[in-house]
N, C-alpha and C. Protein backbone atom coordinates (compact mmCIF):
# COMPACT_ATOMS: atom_id res chain seq x y z
N MET A 1 7.93 -24.92 5.11
CA MET A 1 6.87 -25.33 3.92
C MET A 1 7.25 -24.61 2.69
N MET A 2 7.31 -25.35 1.47
CA MET A 2 7.78 -24.60 0.20
C MET A 2 6.92 -23.63 -0.01
N SER A 3 5.56 -23.90 0.09
CA SER A 3 4.64 -22.91 -0.42
C SER A 3 4.85 -21.36 0.48
N ASN A 4 5.18 -21.57 1.63
CA ASN A 4 5.31 -20.31 2.54
C ASN A 4 6.71 -19.58 2.07
N SER A 5 7.88 -20.31 1.84
CA SER A 5 9.14 -19.88 1.46
C SER A 5 8.86 -19.03 -0.03
N LEU A 6 7.99 -19.87 -0.72
CA LEU A 6 7.97 -19.17 -2.12
C LEU A 6 7.21 -17.88 -2.21
N LEU A 7 6.16 -18.09 -1.42
CA LEU A 7 5.30 -16.70 -1.13
C LEU A 7 6.12 -15.63 -0.61
N GLU A 8 6.98 -15.83 0.33
CA GLU A 8 7.80 -14.87 0.89
C GLU A 8 8.80 -14.45 -0.03
N ARG A 9 9.38 -15.15 -0.71
CA ARG A 9 10.65 -14.75 -1.73
C ARG A 9 9.82 -13.95 -2.87
N VAL A 10 8.68 -14.22 -3.24
CA VAL A 10 7.96 -13.40 -4.44
C VAL A 10 7.48 -12.06 -3.66
N LYS A 11 7.33 -12.17 -2.47
CA LYS A 11 6.67 -10.83 -1.86
C LYS A 11 7.80 -9.96 -1.83
N GLU A 12 9.00 -10.41 -1.50
CA GLU A 12 10.29 -9.59 -1.18
C GLU A 12 10.65 -8.97 -2.51
N GLU A 13 10.72 -9.84 -3.70
CA GLU A 13 11.05 -9.46 -4.93
C GLU A 13 10.10 -8.43 -5.45
N THR A 14 8.93 -8.53 -5.27
CA THR A 14 7.69 -7.53 -5.64
C THR A 14 8.03 -6.26 -4.94
N VAL A 15 8.18 -6.26 -3.62
CA VAL A 15 8.45 -5.07 -2.99
C VAL A 15 9.84 -4.43 -3.29
N THR A 16 10.76 -5.14 -3.48
CA THR A 16 11.95 -4.58 -4.19
C THR A 16 11.68 -3.86 -5.43
N THR A 17 11.25 -4.53 -6.33
CA THR A 17 11.08 -3.95 -7.59
C THR A 17 9.91 -2.67 -7.54
N ALA A 18 9.09 -2.56 -6.73
CA ALA A 18 8.23 -1.46 -6.46
C ALA A 18 9.01 -0.37 -6.04
N LYS A 19 9.69 -0.72 -5.04
CA LYS A 19 10.61 0.40 -4.48
C LYS A 19 11.60 1.05 -5.54
N GLU A 20 12.15 0.33 -6.31
CA GLU A 20 13.06 0.57 -7.23
C GLU A 20 12.31 1.47 -8.42
N GLN A 21 11.07 1.09 -8.72
CA GLN A 21 10.23 1.87 -9.61
C GLN A 21 9.98 3.30 -8.95
N VAL A 22 9.40 3.23 -7.89
CA VAL A 22 9.33 4.66 -7.35
C VAL A 22 10.57 5.49 -7.21
N ALA A 23 11.55 4.88 -6.70
CA ALA A 23 12.85 5.60 -6.42
C ALA A 23 13.33 6.19 -8.01
N ALA A 24 13.10 5.48 -9.05
CA ALA A 24 13.68 5.89 -10.33
C ALA A 24 12.39 6.82 -10.99
N ALA A 25 11.28 6.97 -10.62
CA ALA A 25 10.23 7.77 -11.24
C ALA A 25 10.51 9.20 -11.21
N SER A 26 10.01 10.02 -12.36
CA SER A 26 10.31 11.45 -12.19
C SER A 26 9.04 12.05 -11.67
N SER A 27 8.08 11.32 -11.35
CA SER A 27 6.84 11.71 -10.66
C SER A 27 6.10 10.47 -10.02
N VAL A 28 5.54 10.80 -8.94
CA VAL A 28 4.88 9.76 -8.02
C VAL A 28 3.43 10.26 -7.62
N ALA A 29 2.50 9.46 -7.56
CA ALA A 29 1.21 9.98 -7.21
C ALA A 29 0.77 8.69 -6.27
N ILE A 30 0.08 9.22 -5.15
CA ILE A 30 -0.52 7.99 -4.26
C ILE A 30 -1.93 8.21 -4.42
N LEU A 31 -2.58 7.15 -4.85
CA LEU A 31 -3.99 7.01 -4.90
C LEU A 31 -4.49 6.18 -3.60
N CYS A 32 -5.48 6.64 -2.99
CA CYS A 32 -6.18 6.03 -1.98
C CYS A 32 -7.76 5.78 -2.20
N ASP A 33 -8.37 4.67 -1.75
CA ASP A 33 -9.77 4.42 -1.83
C ASP A 33 -10.17 3.65 -0.55
N GLY A 34 -11.20 4.09 -0.01
CA GLY A 34 -11.74 3.70 1.28
C GLY A 34 -13.31 3.22 0.99
N TRP A 35 -13.46 1.96 1.38
CA TRP A 35 -14.91 1.55 1.34
C TRP A 35 -15.01 0.54 2.61
N THR A 36 -16.26 -0.19 2.58
CA THR A 36 -16.70 -1.22 3.47
C THR A 36 -16.76 -2.59 2.79
N ASN A 37 -16.34 -3.62 3.25
CA ASN A 37 -16.62 -4.94 2.52
C ASN A 37 -17.84 -5.41 3.07
N MET A 38 -18.29 -6.69 2.58
CA MET A 38 -19.53 -7.37 2.83
C MET A 38 -19.85 -7.68 4.25
N ARG A 39 -18.73 -7.69 5.06
CA ARG A 39 -18.78 -7.69 6.62
C ARG A 39 -18.99 -6.45 7.10
N ASN A 40 -19.10 -5.29 6.53
CA ASN A 40 -19.09 -3.97 7.02
C ASN A 40 -17.75 -3.72 7.59
N GLU A 41 -16.75 -4.04 7.22
CA GLU A 41 -15.43 -3.64 7.69
C GLU A 41 -14.73 -2.62 6.97
N GLY A 42 -14.19 -1.65 7.40
CA GLY A 42 -13.43 -0.53 6.82
C GLY A 42 -12.40 -0.97 6.20
N ILE A 43 -12.00 -0.78 4.93
CA ILE A 43 -10.81 -1.06 4.25
C ILE A 43 -10.50 0.07 3.41
N ILE A 44 -8.98 0.39 3.31
CA ILE A 44 -8.43 1.48 2.57
C ILE A 44 -7.15 0.77 1.62
N THR A 45 -7.17 0.93 0.44
CA THR A 45 -6.18 0.50 -0.41
C THR A 45 -5.37 1.62 -0.92
N PHE A 46 -4.24 1.38 -1.10
CA PHE A 46 -3.29 2.27 -1.41
C PHE A 46 -2.52 1.89 -2.85
N VAL A 47 -2.51 2.67 -3.84
CA VAL A 47 -1.80 2.45 -5.01
C VAL A 47 -0.94 3.72 -5.54
N THR A 48 0.34 3.08 -5.80
CA THR A 48 1.20 4.25 -6.32
C THR A 48 1.23 4.27 -7.47
N THR A 49 1.41 5.61 -8.39
CA THR A 49 1.52 5.33 -9.90
C THR A 49 2.96 6.34 -10.07
N VAL A 50 3.53 5.63 -11.18
CA VAL A 50 4.88 6.16 -11.51
C VAL A 50 5.18 6.35 -12.93
N PRO A 51 4.31 6.42 -13.89
CA PRO A 51 2.70 6.57 -13.85
C PRO A 51 2.20 5.35 -14.01
N ARG A 52 2.92 4.19 -13.98
CA ARG A 52 2.20 2.88 -14.25
C ARG A 52 1.61 2.56 -12.65
N PRO A 53 0.37 1.99 -12.38
CA PRO A 53 0.09 1.73 -11.01
C PRO A 53 0.84 0.59 -10.59
N ILE A 54 1.03 0.75 -9.24
CA ILE A 54 1.52 -0.33 -8.42
C ILE A 54 0.98 -0.39 -7.13
N PHE A 55 0.28 -1.52 -6.99
CA PHE A 55 -0.44 -1.90 -5.70
C PHE A 55 0.59 -1.84 -4.55
N TRP A 56 0.03 -0.96 -3.43
CA TRP A 56 1.22 -0.72 -2.27
C TRP A 56 0.74 -1.47 -1.13
N SER A 57 -0.64 -1.25 -0.84
CA SER A 57 -0.85 -2.09 0.57
C SER A 57 -2.57 -1.85 0.56
N SER A 58 -3.03 -2.64 1.46
CA SER A 58 -4.40 -2.78 1.85
C SER A 58 -4.62 -2.62 3.41
N THR A 59 -5.35 -1.98 3.82
CA THR A 59 -5.40 -1.74 5.34
C THR A 59 -6.81 -1.73 5.77
N ALA A 60 -6.94 -2.70 6.77
CA ALA A 60 -8.34 -2.74 7.63
C ALA A 60 -8.38 -1.62 8.46
N THR A 61 -9.34 -0.86 8.58
CA THR A 61 -9.32 0.26 9.47
C THR A 61 -10.19 0.05 10.84
N GLY A 62 -11.01 -1.09 10.73
CA GLY A 62 -11.83 -1.18 11.93
C GLY A 62 -12.92 -0.09 12.00
N ALA A 63 -13.01 0.44 13.20
CA ALA A 63 -14.06 1.39 13.44
C ALA A 63 -13.56 2.82 13.07
N GLU A 64 -12.27 3.15 12.66
CA GLU A 64 -11.81 4.29 12.35
C GLU A 64 -12.38 4.98 11.14
N SER A 65 -12.98 6.22 11.28
CA SER A 65 -13.52 6.90 9.94
C SER A 65 -12.52 7.08 9.05
N HIS A 66 -12.88 7.24 7.79
CA HIS A 66 -12.06 7.49 6.66
C HIS A 66 -11.99 9.21 6.48
N THR A 67 -11.61 9.72 7.32
CA THR A 67 -11.47 11.23 7.45
C THR A 67 -9.97 11.44 6.63
N GLY A 68 -9.81 12.63 6.10
CA GLY A 68 -8.70 13.19 5.61
C GLY A 68 -7.41 13.04 6.49
N GLU A 69 -7.82 13.44 7.81
CA GLU A 69 -6.65 13.33 8.82
C GLU A 69 -6.09 11.94 8.90
N TYR A 70 -7.17 11.07 8.94
CA TYR A 70 -6.66 9.57 9.40
C TYR A 70 -6.15 8.93 7.87
N MET A 71 -6.28 9.26 6.87
CA MET A 71 -5.82 9.11 5.59
C MET A 71 -4.42 9.47 5.42
N ALA A 72 -4.35 10.80 5.77
CA ALA A 72 -3.01 11.45 5.71
C ALA A 72 -2.03 10.67 6.72
N SER A 73 -2.44 10.31 7.82
CA SER A 73 -1.64 9.50 8.81
C SER A 73 -1.14 8.24 8.27
N LEU A 74 -2.21 7.48 7.63
CA LEU A 74 -1.78 6.30 7.15
C LEU A 74 -0.66 6.44 5.98
N ILE A 75 -0.79 7.46 5.08
CA ILE A 75 -0.04 7.68 3.99
C ILE A 75 1.35 8.12 4.69
N LYS A 76 1.55 8.78 5.62
CA LYS A 76 2.76 9.19 6.35
C LYS A 76 3.43 7.96 7.14
N ASN A 77 2.73 7.07 7.81
CA ASN A 77 3.22 6.14 8.64
C ASN A 77 3.11 4.62 8.08
N LYS A 78 2.42 4.47 6.89
CA LYS A 78 2.50 3.23 6.09
C LYS A 78 3.31 3.50 4.84
N TRP A 79 2.88 4.27 3.73
CA TRP A 79 3.36 4.30 2.69
C TRP A 79 4.93 4.91 2.63
N LEU A 80 5.10 6.03 3.39
CA LEU A 80 6.47 6.48 3.43
C LEU A 80 7.39 5.62 4.02
N LYS A 81 6.87 5.13 5.13
CA LYS A 81 7.90 4.21 5.94
C LYS A 81 8.14 2.99 5.08
N LYS A 82 7.19 2.32 4.43
CA LYS A 82 7.44 1.26 3.54
C LYS A 82 8.30 1.75 2.37
N LEU A 83 8.20 2.84 1.90
CA LEU A 83 9.08 3.24 0.98
C LEU A 83 10.61 3.36 1.25
N VAL A 84 10.84 3.76 2.52
CA VAL A 84 12.35 4.01 3.06
C VAL A 84 12.75 2.94 3.86
N GLN A 85 12.05 1.87 3.93
CA GLN A 85 12.54 0.55 4.63
C GLN A 85 13.65 -0.11 3.75
């Protein structure tokens, strides 16, 4: 289906551009925000700044509490792994 292949291509281009911007940046900050949606589902969104903000990912957390330890594990296992892939 054309829409799926176009969406996948745009996603790949966007991820590549974001990785290039992070790699070229002299400083990087990771911002994360957690909340619950209208269905009371936990959501955490990650934004990277280089200093321009770049949306990085959004994660449904289910019943997991948004503790500092949990947020740190998400940064390590999601943000850093995406950066080096």
